[in-house]
């Protein structure tokens, strides 16, 4: 991909988010020369979300002595608050299982709630449950998890 292509795609994603600001659940309008299908568009938007989330999680874990669950919860919520349209569009439209599971696995592993040695589907299940808690409940330490776990994920 050339820089020209990169900037065209970036601008197209920004345009989709601007258009969706009033109603993120409405059908998405997008440049079909850049994104062949809505799933292609949503995967690009999810990639944008994951890039930001991954970077912020790394920084937050490095800078914090808090429990990893608390740090991951706080970081996800902060990004969702800063990018409400992006998050709302993904929540309303993204149905690609691999993308959803990618985020769930990232959250479970980064929070220390699962281990790489566990089957991916189990890790994703833990991540899905954790994401449900992140979205709805107050940040809390998960019983049985120690504070100060290793900061690498």
C-alpha atoms as a PDB file:
ATOM      1  CA  UNK A   1       0.000   0.000   0.000  1.00  0.00           C
ATOM      2  CA  UNK A   2       1.407   3.374  -0.963  1.00  0.00           C
ATOM      3  CA  UNK A   3       1.270   6.441   1.273  1.00  0.00           C
ATOM      4  CA  UNK A   4      -1.388   7.854  -1.019  1.00  0.00           C
ATOM      5  CA  UNK A   5      -3.514   4.732  -0.480  1.00  0.00           C
ATOM      6  CA  UNK A   6      -2.904   4.872   3.252  1.00  0.00           C
ATOM      7  CA  UNK A   7      -4.090   8.482   3.490  1.00  0.00           C
ATOM      8  CA  UNK A   8      -7.119   7.797   1.271  1.00  0.00           C
ATOM      9  CA  UNK A   9      -8.160   4.913   3.492  1.00  0.00           C
ATOM     10  CA  UNK A  10      -7.540   6.920   6.661  1.00  0.00           C
ATOM     11  CA  UNK A  11      -9.629   9.810   5.323  1.00  0.00           C
ATOM     12  CA  UNK A  12     -12.376   7.409   4.243  1.00  0.00           C
ATOM     13  CA  UNK A  13     -12.510   5.871   7.735  1.00  0.00           C
ATOM     14  CA  UNK A  14     -12.677   9.339   9.265  1.00  0.00           C
ATOM     15  CA  UNK A  15     -15.537  10.218   6.902  1.00  0.00           C
ATOM     16  CA  UNK A  16     -17.462   7.088   7.914  1.00  0.00           C
ATOM     17  CA  UNK A  17     -17.096   7.993  11.586  1.00  0.00           C
ATOM     18  CA  UNK A  18     -18.151  11.602  10.997  1.00  0.00           C
ATOM     19  CA  UNK A  19     -21.240  10.417   9.105  1.00  0.00           C
ATOM     20  CA  UNK A  20     -22.067   7.876  11.822  1.00  0.00           C
ATOM     21  CA  UNK A  21     -21.758  10.356  14.678  1.00  0.00           C
ATOM     22  CA  UNK A  22     -25.486  11.117  14.701  1.00  0.00           C
ATOM     23  CA  UNK A  23     -26.580   7.484  14.605  1.00  0.00           C
ATOM     24  CA  UNK A  24     -23.801   4.859  14.831  1.00  0.00           C
ATOM     25  CA  UNK A  25     -26.309   2.026  14.355  1.00  0.00           C
ATOM     26  CA  UNK A  26     -27.549   3.386  11.002  1.00  0.00           C
ATOM     27  CA  UNK A  27     -26.375   1.714   7.790  1.00  0.00           C
ATOM     28  CA  UNK A  28     -22.835   2.779   6.966  1.00  0.00           C
ATOM     29  CA  UNK A  29     -21.982   4.648   3.792  1.00  0.00           C
ATOM     30  CA  UNK A  30     -18.455   4.177   2.516  1.00  0.00           C
ATOM     31  CA  UNK A  31     -16.225   4.307  -0.541  1.00  0.00           C
ATOM     32  CA  UNK A  32     -16.565   0.923  -2.249  1.00  0.00           C
ATOM     33  CA  UNK A  33     -13.428   1.613  -4.279  1.00  0.00           C
ATOM     34  CA  UNK A  34     -11.476   1.418  -1.016  1.00  0.00           C
ATOM     35  CA  UNK A  35     -13.525  -1.167   0.891  1.00  0.00           C
ATOM     36  CA  UNK A  36     -15.203  -3.875  -1.163  1.00  0.00           C
ATOM     37  CA  UNK A  37     -17.616  -4.893   1.578  1.00  0.00           C
ATOM     38  CA  UNK A  38     -18.937  -3.554   4.847  1.00  0.00           C
ATOM     39  CA  UNK A  39     -16.949  -6.270   6.621  1.00  0.00           C
ATOM     40  CA  UNK A  40     -13.743  -4.931   5.017  1.00  0.00           C
ATOM     41  CA  UNK A  41     -14.619  -1.467   6.313  1.00  0.00           C
ATOM     42  CA  UNK A  42     -15.448  -2.761   9.780  1.00  0.00           C
ATOM     43  CA  UNK A  43     -12.229  -4.761   9.947  1.00  0.00           C
ATOM     44  CA  UNK A  44     -10.291  -1.602   9.096  1.00  0.00           C
ATOM     45  CA  UNK A  45     -12.150   0.297  11.823  1.00  0.00           C
ATOM     46  CA  UNK A  46     -11.514  -2.552  14.263  1.00  0.00           C
ATOM     47  CA  UNK A  47      -7.837  -2.516  13.358  1.00  0.00           C
ATOM     48  CA  UNK A  48      -7.788   1.197  14.207  1.00  0.00           C
ATOM     49  CA  UNK A  49      -9.409   0.429  17.581  1.00  0.00           C
ATOM     50  CA  UNK A  50      -7.025  -2.439  18.312  1.00  0.00           C
ATOM     51  CA  UNK A  51      -3.937  -0.391  17.425  1.00  0.00           C
ATOM     52  CA  UNK A  52      -4.977   2.298  19.869  1.00  0.00           C
ATOM     53  CA  UNK A  53      -6.035  -0.175  22.563  1.00  0.00           C
ATOM     54  CA  UNK A  54      -2.872  -2.248  22.317  1.00  0.00           C
ATOM     55  CA  UNK A  55      -0.625   0.803  22.528  1.00  0.00           C
ATOM     56  CA  UNK A  56      -2.508   2.240  25.463  1.00  0.00           C
ATOM     57  CA  UNK A  57      -2.562  -1.062  27.318  1.00  0.00           C
ATOM     58  CA  UNK A  58       1.201  -1.400  26.957  1.00  0.00           C
ATOM     59  CA  UNK A  59       1.780   2.099  28.268  1.00  0.00           C
ATOM     60  CA  UNK A  60      -0.773   1.777  31.063  1.00  0.00           C
ATOM     61  CA  UNK A  61       0.690  -1.483  32.318  1.00  0.00           C
ATOM     62  CA  UNK A  62       4.193  -0.066  32.228  1.00  0.00           C
ATOM     63  CA  UNK A  63       3.176   3.099  34.101  1.00  0.00           C
ATOM     64  CA  UNK A  64       0.891   1.551  36.718  1.00  0.00           C
ATOM     65  CA  UNK A  65       1.378  -0.465  39.867  1.00  0.00           C
ATOM     66  CA  UNK A  66      -2.356  -1.177  40.018  1.00  0.00           C
ATOM     67  CA  UNK A  67      -3.841  -4.596  39.539  1.00  0.00           C
ATOM     68  CA  UNK A  68      -3.791  -5.624  35.863  1.00  0.00           C
ATOM     69  CA  UNK A  69      -7.559  -6.135  35.768  1.00  0.00           C
ATOM     70  CA  UNK A  70      -8.089  -2.587  37.050  1.00  0.00           C
ATOM     71  CA  UNK A  71      -5.550  -1.178  34.603  1.00  0.00           C
ATOM     72  CA  UNK A  72      -7.060  -2.958  31.593  1.00  0.00           C
ATOM     73  CA  UNK A  73     -10.584  -1.941  32.637  1.00  0.00           C
ATOM     74  CA  UNK A  74      -9.618   1.694  33.108  1.00  0.00           C
ATOM     75  CA  UNK A  75      -7.688   1.780  29.807  1.00  0.00           C
ATOM     76  CA  UNK A  76     -10.497   0.217  27.732  1.00  0.00           C
ATOM     77  CA  UNK A  77     -13.078   2.554  29.263  1.00  0.00           C
ATOM     78  CA  UNK A  78     -10.890   5.616  28.702  1.00  0.00           C
ATOM     79  CA  UNK A  79     -10.398   4.762  25.032  1.00  0.00           C
ATOM     80  CA  UNK A  80     -14.116   4.074  24.594  1.00  0.00           C
ATOM     81  CA  UNK A  81     -14.849   7.488  26.134  1.00  0.00           C
ATOM     82  CA  UNK A  82     -12.333   9.186  23.817  1.00  0.00           C
ATOM     83  CA  UNK A  83     -13.556   7.315  20.727  1.00  0.00           C
ATOM     84  CA  UNK A  84     -17.308   6.937  21.364  1.00  0.00           C
ATOM     85  CA  UNK A  85     -18.362   6.894  17.708  1.00  0.00           C
ATOM     86  CA  UNK A  86     -15.731   4.340  16.718  1.00  0.00           C
ATOM     87  CA  UNK A  87     -16.718   2.099  19.634  1.00  0.00           C
ATOM     88  CA  UNK A  88     -20.445   2.537  18.924  1.00  0.00           C
ATOM     89  CA  UNK A  89     -20.025   1.725  15.220  1.00  0.00           C
ATOM     90  CA  UNK A  90     -18.083  -1.422  16.059  1.00  0.00           C
ATOM     91  CA  UNK A  91     -20.627  -2.448  18.680  1.00  0.00           C
ATOM     92  CA  UNK A  92     -23.515  -1.903  16.281  1.00  0.00           C
ATOM     93  CA  UNK A  93     -22.046  -3.445  13.140  1.00  0.00           C
ATOM     94  CA  UNK A  94     -19.012  -5.680  13.694  1.00  0.00           C
ATOM     95  CA  UNK A  95     -19.975  -9.352  13.546  1.00  0.00           C
ATOM     96  CA  UNK A  96     -16.769 -10.971  12.254  1.00  0.00           C
ATOM     97  CA  UNK A  97     -16.043 -13.606  14.927  1.00  0.00           C
ATOM     98  CA  UNK A  98     -12.269 -13.548  14.418  1.00  0.00           C
ATOM     99  CA  UNK A  99     -12.125  -9.788  15.066  1.00  0.00           C
ATOM    100  CA  UNK A 100     -14.345  -9.968  18.132  1.00  0.00           C
ATOM    101  CA  UNK A 101     -12.340 -12.863  19.555  1.00  0.00           C
ATOM    102  CA  UNK A 102      -9.056 -11.056  18.876  1.00  0.00           C
ATOM    103  CA  UNK A 103     -10.109  -8.227  21.183  1.00  0.00           C
ATOM    104  CA  UNK A 104     -11.477 -10.640  23.785  1.00  0.00           C
ATOM    105  CA  UNK A 105      -8.232 -12.645  23.829  1.00  0.00           C
ATOM    106  CA  UNK A 106      -6.171  -9.452  24.114  1.00  0.00           C
ATOM    107  CA  UNK A 107      -8.177  -8.312  27.126  1.00  0.00           C
ATOM    108  CA  UNK A 108      -8.084 -11.678  28.904  1.00  0.00           C
ATOM    109  CA  UNK A 109      -4.357 -12.170  28.374  1.00  0.00           C
ATOM    110  CA  UNK A 110      -3.377  -8.605  29.194  1.00  0.00           C
ATOM    111  CA  UNK A 111      -5.448  -8.607  32.376  1.00  0.00           C
ATOM    112  CA  UNK A 112      -3.815 -11.861  33.438  1.00  0.00           C
ATOM    113  CA  UNK A 113      -7.135 -13.700  33.467  1.00  0.00           C
ATOM    114  CA  UNK A 114      -5.952 -16.313  30.981  1.00  0.00           C
ATOM    115  CA  UNK A 115      -2.699 -17.799  29.784  1.00  0.00           C
ATOM    116  CA  UNK A 116      -1.284 -18.427  26.314  1.00  0.00           C
ATOM    117  CA  UNK A 117      -1.145 -22.143  27.092  1.00  0.00           C
ATOM    118  CA  UNK A 118      -4.964 -22.280  27.274  1.00  0.00           C
ATOM    119  CA  UNK A 119      -7.045 -23.027  24.159  1.00  0.00           C
ATOM    120  CA  UNK A 120      -7.841 -19.874  22.173  1.00  0.00           C
ATOM    121  CA  UNK A 121     -11.585 -20.409  22.439  1.00  0.00           C
ATOM    122  CA  UNK A 122     -11.328 -20.609  26.245  1.00  0.00           C
ATOM    123  CA  UNK A 123      -9.255 -17.440  26.351  1.00  0.00           C
ATOM    124  CA  UNK A 124     -11.788 -15.685  24.116  1.00  0.00           C
ATOM    125  CA  UNK A 125     -14.604 -16.852  26.400  1.00  0.00           C
ATOM    126  CA  UNK A 126     -12.872 -15.416  29.447  1.00  0.00           C
ATOM    127  CA  UNK A 127     -12.246 -12.218  27.488  1.00  0.00           C
ATOM    128  CA  UNK A 128     -15.898 -12.002  26.430  1.00  0.00           C
ATOM    129  CA  UNK A 129     -17.034 -12.289  30.044  1.00  0.00           C
ATOM    130  CA  UNK A 130     -14.442  -9.738  31.146  1.00  0.00           C
ATOM    131  CA  UNK A 131     -15.488  -7.339  28.379  1.00  0.00           C
ATOM    132  CA  UNK A 132     -19.077  -7.646  29.578  1.00  0.00           C
ATOM    133  CA  UNK A 133     -17.922  -6.589  33.039  1.00  0.00           C
ATOM    134  CA  UNK A 134     -15.832  -3.747  31.646  1.00  0.00           C
ATOM    135  CA  UNK A 135     -18.868  -2.397  29.812  1.00  0.00           C
ATOM    136  CA  UNK A 136     -21.354  -2.657  32.650  1.00  0.00           C
ATOM    137  CA  UNK A 137     -19.804  -2.878  36.070  1.00  0.00           C
ATOM    138  CA  UNK A 138     -17.453  -0.885  38.248  1.00  0.00           C
ATOM    139  CA  UNK A 139     -13.739  -1.661  38.040  1.00  0.00           C
ATOM    140  CA  UNK A 140     -12.948  -4.332  40.577  1.00  0.00           C
ATOM    141  CA  UNK A 141     -10.196  -6.735  41.461  1.00  0.00           C
ATOM    142  CA  UNK A 142     -11.036 -10.281  40.424  1.00  0.00           C
ATOM    143  CA  UNK A 143     -10.912 -12.563  43.480  1.00  0.00           C
ATOM    144  CA  UNK A 144      -7.931 -14.882  43.487  1.00  0.00           C
ATOM    145  CA  UNK A 145      -5.789 -12.612  41.309  1.00  0.00           C
ATOM    146  CA  UNK A 146      -2.714 -11.109  42.866  1.00  0.00           C
ATOM    147  CA  UNK A 147      -1.753  -7.481  42.630  1.00  0.00           C
ATOM    148  CA  UNK A 148       1.521  -6.720  40.910  1.00  0.00           C
ATOM    149  CA  UNK A 149       1.494  -9.528  38.363  1.00  0.00           C
ATOM    150  CA  UNK A 150       4.231  -9.374  35.763  1.00  0.00           C
ATOM    151  CA  UNK A 151       3.681  -6.487  33.388  1.00  0.00           C
ATOM    152  CA  UNK A 152       4.270  -8.443  30.211  1.00  0.00           C
ATOM    153  CA  UNK A 153       1.281  -9.879  28.403  1.00  0.00           C
END
